[in-house]
């Protein structure tokens, strides 16, 4: 049976925690919707993932930092980035006034 839904359903603009919603999972592939409402990575924390990640900001804004870069990348609606496996990265900031909706694809 086909599944139909909307990426913007059930978004709480006042959420105190970042929300990660799995949308699709298959061997070697995971697609998630992430909603950030002002959250950022904890000080000193870096993601270091075994899989590649393609991430896109669907709405809102964020500062995404790669360990090997001096400055974070400002990302807004429509901006996307391919993060290679084991490329250390972190979220320095997300807009606290408007939910930042991410689409993240994790794949081998």
PDB file of N, CA and C in Angstrom:
ATOM      1  N   UNK A   1       0.843  -1.174   0.000  1.00  0.00           N
ATOM      2  CA  UNK A   1       0.000   0.000   0.000  1.00  0.00           C
ATOM      3  C   UNK A   1       0.894   1.244   0.000  1.00  0.00           C
ATOM      4  N   UNK A   2       0.682   2.167  -0.929  1.00  0.00           N
ATOM      5  CA  UNK A   2       1.482   3.397  -0.957  1.00  0.00           C
ATOM      6  C   UNK A   2       1.272   4.228   0.301  1.00  0.00           C
ATOM      7  N   UNK A   3       2.324   4.927   0.703  1.00  0.00           N
ATOM      8  CA  UNK A   3       2.262   5.814   1.860  1.00  0.00           C
ATOM      9  C   UNK A   3       2.293   7.249   1.365  1.00  0.00           C
ATOM     10  N   UNK A   4       1.386   8.052   1.855  1.00  0.00           N
ATOM     11  CA  UNK A   4       1.327   9.460   1.482  1.00  0.00           C
ATOM     12  C   UNK A   4       1.303  10.292   2.763  1.00  0.00           C
ATOM     13  N   UNK A   5       2.135  11.302   2.831  1.00  0.00           N
ATOM     14  CA  UNK A   5       2.184  12.182   3.991  1.00  0.00           C
ATOM     15  C   UNK A   5       2.738  13.532   3.536  1.00  0.00           C
ATOM     16  N   UNK A   6       2.840  14.463   4.460  1.00  0.00           N
ATOM     17  CA  UNK A   6       3.370  15.783   4.157  1.00  0.00           C
ATOM     18  C   UNK A   6       4.539  16.071   5.090  1.00  0.00           C
ATOM     19  N   UNK A   7       5.641  16.539   4.524  1.00  0.00           N
ATOM     20  CA  UNK A   7       6.855  16.809   5.289  1.00  0.00           C
ATOM     21  C   UNK A   7       6.623  17.829   6.404  1.00  0.00           C
ATOM     22  N   UNK A   8       5.629  18.689   6.247  1.00  0.00           N
ATOM     23  CA  UNK A   8       5.385  19.758   7.218  1.00  0.00           C
ATOM     24  C   UNK A   8       4.303  19.418   8.243  1.00  0.00           C
ATOM     25  N   UNK A   9       3.766  18.198   8.207  1.00  0.00           N
ATOM     26  CA  UNK A   9       2.770  17.781   9.194  1.00  0.00           C
ATOM     27  C   UNK A   9       3.388  17.689  10.586  1.00  0.00           C
ATOM     28  N   UNK A  10       2.621  18.079  11.589  1.00  0.00           N
ATOM     29  CA  UNK A  10       2.955  17.889  12.995  1.00  0.00           C
ATOM     30  C   UNK A  10       4.287  18.524  13.412  1.00  0.00           C
ATOM     31  N   UNK A  11       4.514  19.744  12.954  1.00  0.00           N
ATOM     32  CA  UNK A  11       5.706  20.491  13.381  1.00  0.00           C
ATOM     33  C   UNK A  11       5.296  21.439  14.494  1.00  0.00           C
ATOM     34  N   UNK A  12       5.974  21.335  15.628  1.00  0.00           N
ATOM     35  CA  UNK A  12       5.710  22.214  16.758  1.00  0.00           C
ATOM     36  C   UNK A  12       6.760  23.320  16.787  1.00  0.00           C
ATOM     37  N   UNK A  13       6.375  24.562  16.519  1.00  0.00           N
ATOM     38  CA  UNK A  13       7.358  25.651  16.515  1.00  0.00           C
ATOM     39  C   UNK A  13       7.963  25.941  17.887  1.00  0.00           C
ATOM     40  N   UNK A  14       7.354  25.404  18.945  1.00  0.00           N
ATOM     41  CA  UNK A  14       7.846  25.670  20.296  1.00  0.00           C
ATOM     42  C   UNK A  14       8.514  24.447  20.918  1.00  0.00           C
ATOM     43  N   UNK A  15       8.897  23.473  20.117  1.00  0.00           N
ATOM     44  CA  UNK A  15       9.520  22.259  20.661  1.00  0.00           C
ATOM     45  C   UNK A  15      10.827  22.608  21.366  1.00  0.00           C
ATOM     46  N   UNK A  16      11.055  21.992  22.517  1.00  0.00           N
ATOM     47  CA  UNK A  16      12.285  22.245  23.265  1.00  0.00           C
ATOM     48  C   UNK A  16      13.400  21.275  22.874  1.00  0.00           C
ATOM     49  N   UNK A  17      13.052  20.217  22.174  1.00  0.00           N
ATOM     50  CA  UNK A  17      14.026  19.224  21.709  1.00  0.00           C
ATOM     51  C   UNK A  17      13.978  19.144  20.190  1.00  0.00           C
ATOM     52  N   UNK A  18      15.117  18.871  19.581  1.00  0.00           N
ATOM     53  CA  UNK A  18      15.133  18.611  18.149  1.00  0.00           C
ATOM     54  C   UNK A  18      14.351  17.326  17.883  1.00  0.00           C
ATOM     55  N   UNK A  19      13.560  17.310  16.819  1.00  0.00           N
ATOM     56  CA  UNK A  19      12.730  16.154  16.492  1.00  0.00           C
ATOM     57  C   UNK A  19      13.267  15.467  15.239  1.00  0.00           C
ATOM     58  N   UNK A  20      13.541  14.171  15.357  1.00  0.00           N
ATOM     59  CA  UNK A  20      14.007  13.371  14.225  1.00  0.00           C
ATOM     60  C   UNK A  20      12.927  12.344  13.929  1.00  0.00           C
ATOM     61  N   UNK A  21      12.399  12.384  12.701  1.00  0.00           N
ATOM     62  CA  UNK A  21      11.332  11.480  12.290  1.00  0.00           C
ATOM     63  C   UNK A  21      11.820  10.629  11.127  1.00  0.00           C
ATOM     64  N   UNK A  22      11.919   9.315  11.307  1.00  0.00           N
ATOM     65  CA  UNK A  22      12.293   8.445  10.184  1.00  0.00           C
ATOM     66  C   UNK A  22      11.175   8.457   9.144  1.00  0.00           C
ATOM     67  N   UNK A  23      11.550   8.640   7.882  1.00  0.00           N
ATOM     68  CA  UNK A  23      10.572   8.637   6.794  1.00  0.00           C
ATOM     69  C   UNK A  23      10.643   7.355   5.969  1.00  0.00           C
ATOM     70  N   UNK A  24      11.867   6.825   5.810  1.00  0.00           N
ATOM     71  CA  UNK A  24      12.062   5.614   5.018  1.00  0.00           C
ATOM     72  C   UNK A  24      13.356   4.944   5.454  1.00  0.00           C
ATOM     73  N   UNK A  25      13.303   3.640   5.583  1.00  0.00           N
ATOM     74  CA  UNK A  25      14.498   2.884   5.937  1.00  0.00           C
ATOM     75  C   UNK A  25      14.555   1.632   5.075  1.00  0.00           C
ATOM     76  N   UNK A  26      15.688   1.456   4.403  1.00  0.00           N
ATOM     77  CA  UNK A  26      15.962   0.289   3.578  1.00  0.00           C
ATOM     78  C   UNK A  26      17.413  -0.096   3.809  1.00  0.00           C
ATOM     79  N   UNK A  27      17.796  -1.309   3.468  1.00  0.00           N
ATOM     80  CA  UNK A  27      19.218  -1.659   3.623  1.00  0.00           C
ATOM     81  C   UNK A  27      20.114  -0.638   2.918  1.00  0.00           C
ATOM     82  N   UNK A  28      21.002  -0.038   3.684  1.00  0.00           N
ATOM     83  CA  UNK A  28      21.944   0.937   3.138  1.00  0.00           C
ATOM     84  C   UNK A  28      21.382   2.331   2.932  1.00  0.00           C
ATOM     85  N   UNK A  29      20.130   2.582   3.329  1.00  0.00           N
ATOM     86  CA  UNK A  29      19.501   3.896   3.132  1.00  0.00           C
ATOM     87  C   UNK A  29      18.556   4.215   4.285  1.00  0.00           C
ATOM     88  N   UNK A  30      18.679   5.449   4.806  1.00  0.00           N
ATOM     89  CA  UNK A  30      17.750   5.945   5.819  1.00  0.00           C
ATOM     90  C   UNK A  30      17.449   7.399   5.479  1.00  0.00           C
ATOM     91  N   UNK A  31      16.165   7.743   5.415  1.00  0.00           N
ATOM     92  CA  UNK A  31      15.737   9.113   5.144  1.00  0.00           C
ATOM     93  C   UNK A  31      15.010   9.616   6.382  1.00  0.00           C
ATOM     94  N   UNK A  32      15.407  10.822   6.840  1.00  0.00           N
ATOM     95  CA  UNK A  32      14.829  11.398   8.050  1.00  0.00           C
ATOM     96  C   UNK A  32      14.389  12.835   7.810  1.00  0.00           C
ATOM     97  N   UNK A  33      13.352  13.237   8.524  1.00  0.00           N
ATOM     98  CA  UNK A  33      13.014  14.652   8.643  1.00  0.00           C
ATOM     99  C   UNK A  33      13.522  15.079  10.011  1.00  0.00           C
ATOM    100  N   UNK A  34      14.278  16.158  10.041  1.00  0.00           N
ATOM    101  CA  UNK A  34      14.780  16.714  11.300  1.00  0.00           C
ATOM    102  C   UNK A  34      14.203  18.113  11.428  1.00  0.00           C
ATOM    103  N   UNK A  35      13.629  18.407  12.598  1.00  0.00           N
ATOM    104  CA  UNK A  35      13.094  19.743  12.859  1.00  0.00           C
ATOM    105  C   UNK A  35      13.857  20.330  14.041  1.00  0.00           C
ATOM    106  N   UNK A  36      14.526  21.437  13.775  1.00  0.00           N
ATOM    107  CA  UNK A  36      15.293  22.153  14.801  1.00  0.00           C
ATOM    108  C   UNK A  36      14.588  23.467  15.102  1.00  0.00           C
ATOM    109  N   UNK A  37      14.430  23.772  16.372  1.00  0.00           N
ATOM    110  CA  UNK A  37      13.798  25.029  16.789  1.00  0.00           C
ATOM    111  C   UNK A  37      14.749  25.770  17.727  1.00  0.00           C
ATOM    112  N   UNK A  38      15.913  26.108  17.175  1.00  0.00           N
ATOM    113  CA  UNK A  38      16.930  26.817  17.950  1.00  0.00           C
ATOM    114  C   UNK A  38      18.000  25.914  18.534  1.00  0.00           C
ATOM    115  N   UNK A  39      17.889  24.606  18.331  1.00  0.00           N
ATOM    116  CA  UNK A  39      18.896  23.694  18.881  1.00  0.00           C
ATOM    117  C   UNK A  39      20.185  23.744  18.054  1.00  0.00           C
ATOM    118  N   UNK A  40      21.273  23.359  18.708  1.00  0.00           N
ATOM    119  CA  UNK A  40      22.588  23.263  18.070  1.00  0.00           C
ATOM    120  C   UNK A  40      23.326  22.092  18.722  1.00  0.00           C
ATOM    121  N   UNK A  41      24.425  21.684  18.107  1.00  0.00           N
ATOM    122  CA  UNK A  41      25.246  20.626  18.697  1.00  0.00           C
ATOM    123  C   UNK A  41      25.853  21.128  20.007  1.00  0.00           C
ATOM    124  N   UNK A  42      25.991  20.254  20.991  1.00  0.00           N
ATOM    125  CA  UNK A  42      26.615  20.669  22.251  1.00  0.00           C
ATOM    126  C   UNK A  42      28.055  21.142  22.024  1.00  0.00           C
ATOM    127  N   UNK A  43      28.559  22.031  22.870  1.00  0.00           N
ATOM    128  CA  UNK A  43      29.940  22.500  22.730  1.00  0.00           C
ATOM    129  C   UNK A  43      30.914  21.322  22.686  1.00  0.00           C
ATOM    130  N   UNK A  44      31.817  21.357  21.712  1.00  0.00           N
ATOM    131  CA  UNK A  44      32.838  20.323  21.579  1.00  0.00           C
ATOM    132  C   UNK A  44      32.375  19.039  20.913  1.00  0.00           C
ATOM    133  N   UNK A  45      31.075  18.913  20.610  1.00  0.00           N
ATOM    134  CA  UNK A  45      30.553  17.688  19.997  1.00  0.00           C
ATOM    135  C   UNK A  45      30.645  17.767  18.482  1.00  0.00           C
ATOM    136  N   UNK A  46      31.097  16.655  17.871  1.00  0.00           N
ATOM    137  CA  UNK A  46      31.171  16.538  16.414  1.00  0.00           C
ATOM    138  C   UNK A  46      30.527  15.220  15.995  1.00  0.00           C
ATOM    139  N   UNK A  47      29.682  15.283  14.974  1.00  0.00           N
ATOM    140  CA  UNK A  47      29.191  14.048  14.359  1.00  0.00           C
ATOM    141  C   UNK A  47      30.331  13.433  13.571  1.00  0.00           C
ATOM    142  N   UNK A  48      30.468  12.114  13.630  1.00  0.00           N
ATOM    143  CA  UNK A  48      31.462  11.360  12.849  1.00  0.00           C
ATOM    144  C   UNK A  48      30.779  10.043  12.480  1.00  0.00           C
ATOM    145  N   UNK A  49      30.165  10.017  11.319  1.00  0.00           N
ATOM    146  CA  UNK A  49      29.274   8.936  10.923  1.00  0.00           C
ATOM    147  C   UNK A  49      29.938   7.962   9.964  1.00  0.00           C
ATOM    148  N   UNK A  50      29.544   6.709  10.052  1.00  0.00           N
ATOM    149  CA  UNK A  50      30.074   5.665   9.168  1.00  0.00           C
ATOM    150  C   UNK A  50      29.516   5.760   7.755  1.00  0.00           C
ATOM    151  N   UNK A  51      28.356   6.392   7.599  1.00  0.00           N
ATOM    152  CA  UNK A  51      27.731   6.507   6.285  1.00  0.00           C
ATOM    153  C   UNK A  51      27.842   7.936   5.768  1.00  0.00           C
ATOM    154  N   UNK A  52      27.672   8.087   4.444  1.00  0.00           N
ATOM    155  CA  UNK A  52      27.568   9.415   3.863  1.00  0.00           C
ATOM    156  C   UNK A  52      26.215   9.994   4.237  1.00  0.00           C
ATOM    157  N   UNK A  53      26.138  11.319   4.251  1.00  0.00           N
ATOM    158  CA  UNK A  53      24.874  11.991   4.537  1.00  0.00           C
ATOM    159  C   UNK A  53      24.683  13.134   3.557  1.00  0.00           C
ATOM    160  N   UNK A  54      23.523  13.129   2.913  1.00  0.00           N
ATOM    161  CA  UNK A  54      23.113  14.253   2.078  1.00  0.00           C
ATOM    162  C   UNK A  54      22.044  14.975   2.871  1.00  0.00           C
ATOM    163  N   UNK A  55      22.243  16.254   3.125  1.00  0.00           N
ATOM    164  CA  UNK A  55      21.315  17.008   3.959  1.00  0.00           C
ATOM    165  C   UNK A  55      20.883  18.268   3.218  1.00  0.00           C
ATOM    166  N   UNK A  56      19.583  18.591   3.343  1.00  0.00           N
ATOM    167  CA  UNK A  56      19.040  19.796   2.719  1.00  0.00           C
ATOM    168  C   UNK A  56      18.175  20.528   3.734  1.00  0.00           C
ATOM    169  N   UNK A  57      18.312  21.845   3.760  1.00  0.00           N
ATOM    170  CA  UNK A  57      17.420  22.671   4.556  1.00  0.00           C
ATOM    171  C   UNK A  57      16.201  22.959   3.685  1.00  0.00           C
ATOM    172  N   UNK A  58      15.043  22.499   4.134  1.00  0.00           N
ATOM    173  CA  UNK A  58      13.795  22.696   3.396  1.00  0.00           C
ATOM    174  C   UNK A  58      13.181  24.043   3.760  1.00  0.00           C
ATOM    175  N   UNK A  59      13.257  24.406   5.029  1.00  0.00           N
ATOM    176  CA  UNK A  59      12.793  25.716   5.486  1.00  0.00           C
ATOM    177  C   UNK A  59      13.591  26.100   6.726  1.00  0.00           C
ATOM    178  N   UNK A  60      13.647  27.404   6.990  1.00  0.00           N
ATOM    179  CA  UNK A  60      14.421  27.884   8.128  1.00  0.00           C
ATOM    180  C   UNK A  60      15.853  28.185   7.735  1.00  0.00           C
ATOM    181  N   UNK A  61      16.743  28.182   8.720  1.00  0.00           N
ATOM    182  CA  UNK A  61      18.145  28.510   8.478  1.00  0.00           C
ATOM    183  C   UNK A  61      19.018  27.861   9.542  1.00  0.00           C
ATOM    184  N   UNK A  62      20.281  27.621   9.160  1.00  0.00           N
ATOM    185  CA  UNK A  62      21.222  26.964  10.074  1.00  0.00           C
ATOM    186  C   UNK A  62      22.648  27.360   9.718  1.00  0.00           C
ATOM    187  N   UNK A  63      23.538  27.165  10.674  1.00  0.00           N
ATOM    188  CA  UNK A  63      24.978  27.246  10.438  1.00  0.00           C
ATOM    189  C   UNK A  63      25.530  25.846  10.654  1.00  0.00           C
ATOM    190  N   UNK A  64      26.093  25.269   9.600  1.00  0.00           N
ATOM    191  CA  UNK A  64      26.645  23.918   9.643  1.00  0.00           C
ATOM    192  C   UNK A  64      28.154  24.020   9.462  1.00  0.00           C
ATOM    193  N   UNK A  65      28.896  23.445  10.396  1.00  0.00           N
ATOM    194  CA  UNK A  65      30.364  23.542  10.360  1.00  0.00           C
ATOM    195  C   UNK A  65      30.976  22.181  10.069  1.00  0.00           C
ATOM    196  N   UNK A  66      31.920  22.159   9.125  1.00  0.00           N
ATOM    197  CA  UNK A  66      32.752  20.984   8.866  1.00  0.00           C
ATOM    198  C   UNK A  66      34.068  21.199   9.599  1.00  0.00           C
ATOM    199  N   UNK A  67      34.609  20.154  10.198  1.00  0.00           N
ATOM    200  CA  UNK A  67      35.808  20.285  11.049  1.00  0.00           C
ATOM    201  C   UNK A  67      36.985  20.902  10.321  1.00  0.00           C
ATOM    202  N   UNK A  68      37.110  20.616   9.024  1.00  0.00           N
ATOM    203  CA  UNK A  68      38.276  21.116   8.296  1.00  0.00           C
ATOM    204  C   UNK A  68      38.100  22.539   7.761  1.00  0.00           C
ATOM    205  N   UNK A  69      36.961  23.155   8.028  1.00  0.00           N
ATOM    206  CA  UNK A  69      36.709  24.513   7.549  1.00  0.00           C
ATOM    207  C   UNK A  69      36.742  25.500   8.713  1.00  0.00           C
ATOM    208  N   UNK A  70      37.289  26.680   8.483  1.00  0.00           N
ATOM    209  CA  UNK A  70      37.433  27.688   9.530  1.00  0.00           C
ATOM    210  C   UNK A  70      36.100  28.321   9.915  1.00  0.00           C
ATOM    211  N   UNK A  71      35.199  28.461   8.965  1.00  0.00           N
ATOM    212  CA  UNK A  71      33.922  29.125   9.207  1.00  0.00           C
ATOM    213  C   UNK A  71      32.768  28.174   8.898  1.00  0.00           C
ATOM    214  N   UNK A  72      31.663  28.327   9.617  1.00  0.00           N
ATOM    215  CA  UNK A  72      30.482  27.503   9.309  1.00  0.00           C
ATOM    216  C   UNK A  72      29.841  27.948   8.001  1.00  0.00           C
ATOM    217  N   UNK A  73      29.107  27.036   7.399  1.00  0.00           N
ATOM    218  CA  UNK A  73      28.354  27.337   6.187  1.00  0.00           C
ATOM    219  C   UNK A  73      26.958  27.781   6.601  1.00  0.00           C
ATOM    220  N   UNK A  74      26.513  28.897   6.085  1.00  0.00           N
ATOM    221  CA  UNK A  74      25.121  29.333   6.315  1.00  0.00           C
ATOM    222  C   UNK A  74      24.255  28.601   5.308  1.00  0.00           C
ATOM    223  N   UNK A  75      23.226  27.937   5.818  1.00  0.00           N
ATOM    224  CA  UNK A  75      22.324  27.187   4.960  1.00  0.00           C
ATOM    225  C   UNK A  75      20.904  27.703   5.153  1.00  0.00           C
ATOM    226  N   UNK A  76      20.228  27.920   4.027  1.00  0.00           N
ATOM    227  CA  UNK A  76      18.836  28.354   4.040  1.00  0.00           C
ATOM    228  C   UNK A  76      18.011  27.426   3.170  1.00  0.00           C
ATOM    229  N   UNK A  77      16.755  27.748   3.024  1.00  0.00           N
ATOM    230  CA  UNK A  77      15.828  26.913   2.268  1.00  0.00           C
ATOM    231  C   UNK A  77      16.387  26.599   0.873  1.00  0.00           C
ATOM    232  N   UNK A  78      16.465  25.311   0.567  1.00  0.00           N
ATOM    233  CA  UNK A  78      16.951  24.853  -0.734  1.00  0.00           C
ATOM    234  C   UNK A  78      18.423  24.505  -0.761  1.00  0.00           C
ATOM    235  N   UNK A  79      19.191  24.926   0.243  1.00  0.00           N
ATOM    236  CA  UNK A  79      20.623  24.614   0.277  1.00  0.00           C
ATOM    237  C   UNK A  79      20.826  23.166   0.721  1.00  0.00           C
ATOM    238  N   UNK A  80      21.742  22.486   0.044  1.00  0.00           N
ATOM    239  CA  UNK A  80      22.049  21.097   0.407  1.00  0.00           C
ATOM    240  C   UNK A  80      23.543  20.865   0.376  1.00  0.00           C
ATOM    241  N   UNK A  81      23.955  19.774   1.031  1.00  0.00           N
ATOM    242  CA  UNK A  81      25.369  19.452   1.171  1.00  0.00           C
ATOM    243  C   UNK A  81      25.531  17.942   1.277  1.00  0.00           C
ATOM    244  N   UNK A  82      26.515  17.405   0.591  1.00  0.00           N
ATOM    245  CA  UNK A  82      26.891  16.001   0.734  1.00  0.00           C
ATOM    246  C   UNK A  82      28.049  15.939   1.726  1.00  0.00           C
ATOM    247  N   UNK A  83      27.838  15.201   2.806  1.00  0.00           N
ATOM    248  CA  UNK A  83      28.865  15.059   3.845  1.00  0.00           C
ATOM    249  C   UNK A  83      29.430  13.646   3.739  1.00  0.00           C
ATOM    250  N   UNK A  84      30.700  13.505   3.353  1.00  0.00           N
ATOM    251  CA  UNK A  84      31.283  12.169   3.235  1.00  0.00           C
ATOM    252  C   UNK A  84      31.328  11.439   4.575  1.00  0.00           C
ATOM    253  N   UNK A  85      31.381  10.134   4.525  1.00  0.00           N
ATOM    254  CA  UNK A  85      31.529   9.329   5.743  1.00  0.00           C
ATOM    255  C   UNK A  85      32.762   9.798   6.506  1.00  0.00           C
ATOM    256  N   UNK A  86      32.665   9.893   7.796  1.00  0.00           N
ATOM    257  CA  UNK A  86      33.726  10.279   8.724  1.00  0.00           C
ATOM    258  C   UNK A  86      34.216  11.716   8.546  1.00  0.00           C
ATOM    259  N   UNK A  87      33.438  12.542   7.857  1.00  0.00           N
ATOM    260  CA  UNK A  87      33.729  13.982   7.814  1.00  0.00           C
ATOM    261  C   UNK A  87      33.077  14.579   9.055  1.00  0.00           C
ATOM    262  N   UNK A  88      33.905  14.978   9.999  1.00  0.00           N
ATOM    263  CA  UNK A  88      33.368  15.511  11.255  1.00  0.00           C
ATOM    264  C   UNK A  88      32.625  16.817  10.989  1.00  0.00           C
ATOM    265  N   UNK A  89      31.417  16.925  11.561  1.00  0.00           N
ATOM    266  CA  UNK A  89      30.599  18.107  11.346  1.00  0.00           C
ATOM    267  C   UNK A  89      29.698  18.350  12.555  1.00  0.00           C
ATOM    268  N   UNK A  90      29.178  19.558  12.627  1.00  0.00           N
ATOM    269  CA  UNK A  90      28.316  19.940  13.744  1.00  0.00           C
ATOM    270  C   UNK A  90      27.371  21.054  13.289  1.00  0.00           C
ATOM    271  N   UNK A  91      26.310  21.226  14.034  1.00  0.00           N
ATOM    272  CA  UNK A  91      25.386  22.328  13.797  1.00  0.00           C
ATOM    273  C   UNK A  91      25.708  23.406  14.828  1.00  0.00           C
ATOM    274  N   UNK A  92      26.157  24.568  14.358  1.00  0.00           N
ATOM    275  CA  UNK A  92      26.513  25.661  15.265  1.00  0.00           C
ATOM    276  C   UNK A  92      25.293  26.473  15.704  1.00  0.00           C
ATOM    277  N   UNK A  93      24.231  26.516  14.855  1.00  0.00           N
ATOM    278  CA  UNK A  93      23.089  27.369  15.155  1.00  0.00           C
ATOM    279  C   UNK A  93      21.925  26.969  14.268  1.00  0.00           C
ATOM    280  N   UNK A  94      20.719  27.043  14.790  1.00  0.00           N
ATOM    281  CA  UNK A  94      19.504  26.992  13.980  1.00  0.00           C
ATOM    282  C   UNK A  94      18.604  28.133  14.432  1.00  0.00           C
ATOM    283  N   UNK A  95      17.801  28.612  13.522  1.00  0.00           N
ATOM    284  CA  UNK A  95      16.925  29.754  13.771  1.00  0.00           C
ATOM    285  C   UNK A  95      15.959  29.449  14.921  1.00  0.00           C
ATOM    286  N   UNK A  96      15.987  30.242  15.989  1.00  0.00           N
ATOM    287  CA  UNK A  96      15.077  29.989  17.105  1.00  0.00           C
ATOM    288  C   UNK A  96      13.663  30.540  16.869  1.00  0.00           C
ATOM    289  N   UNK A  97      13.497  31.362  15.831  1.00  0.00           N
ATOM    290  CA  UNK A  97      12.206  31.998  15.578  1.00  0.00           C
ATOM    291  C   UNK A  97      11.328  31.207  14.600  1.00  0.00           C
ATOM    292  N   UNK A  98      11.971  30.458  13.711  1.00  0.00           N
ATOM    293  CA  UNK A  98      11.262  29.696  12.676  1.00  0.00           C
ATOM    294  C   UNK A  98      11.827  28.280  12.681  1.00  0.00           C
ATOM    295  N   UNK A  99      10.984  27.253  12.709  1.00  0.00           N
ATOM    296  CA  UNK A  99      11.523  25.891  12.673  1.00  0.00           C
ATOM    297  C   UNK A  99      12.400  25.667  11.422  1.00  0.00           C
ATOM    298  N   UNK A 100      13.542  25.049  11.648  1.00  0.00           N
ATOM    299  CA  UNK A 100      14.405  24.648  10.540  1.00  0.00           C
ATOM    300  C   UNK A 100      14.087  23.188  10.250  1.00  0.00           C
ATOM    301  N   UNK A 101      13.586  22.946   9.044  1.00  0.00           N
ATOM    302  CA  UNK A 101      13.224  21.597   8.627  1.00  0.00           C
ATOM    303  C   UNK A 101      14.313  21.099   7.684  1.00  0.00           C
ATOM    304  N   UNK A 102      14.918  19.977   8.080  1.00  0.00           N
ATOM    305  CA  UNK A 102      15.982  19.343   7.304  1.00  0.00           C
ATOM    306  C   UNK A 102      15.442  18.053   6.686  1.00  0.00           C
ATOM    307  N   UNK A 103      15.963  17.699   5.536  1.00  0.00           N
ATOM    308  CA  UNK A 103      15.760  16.380   4.961  1.00  0.00           C
ATOM    309  C   UNK A 103      17.145  15.754   4.908  1.00  0.00           C
ATOM    310  N   UNK A 104      17.315  14.605   5.583  1.00  0.00           N
ATOM    311  CA  UNK A 104      18.626  13.959   5.669  1.00  0.00           C
ATOM    312  C   UNK A 104      18.536  12.561   5.082  1.00  0.00           C
ATOM    313  N   UNK A 105      19.452  12.255   4.160  1.00  0.00           N
ATOM    314  CA  UNK A 105      19.568  10.928   3.571  1.00  0.00           C
ATOM    315  C   UNK A 105      20.897  10.340   3.997  1.00  0.00           C
ATOM    316  N   UNK A 106      20.863   9.235   4.700  1.00  0.00           N
ATOM    317  CA  UNK A 106      22.060   8.508   5.144  1.00  0.00           C
ATOM    318  C   UNK A 106      22.182   7.273   4.268  1.00  0.00           C
ATOM    319  N   UNK A 107      23.358   7.082   3.661  1.00  0.00           N
ATOM    320  CA  UNK A 107      23.508   5.946   2.746  1.00  0.00           C
ATOM    321  C   UNK A 107      24.930   5.431   2.739  1.00  0.00           C
ATOM    322  N   UNK A 108      25.057   4.166   2.339  1.00  0.00           N
ATOM    323  CA  UNK A 108      26.375   3.528   2.311  1.00  0.00           C
ATOM    324  C   UNK A 108      27.085   3.834   1.004  1.00  0.00           C
TER     325      UNK A 108
END
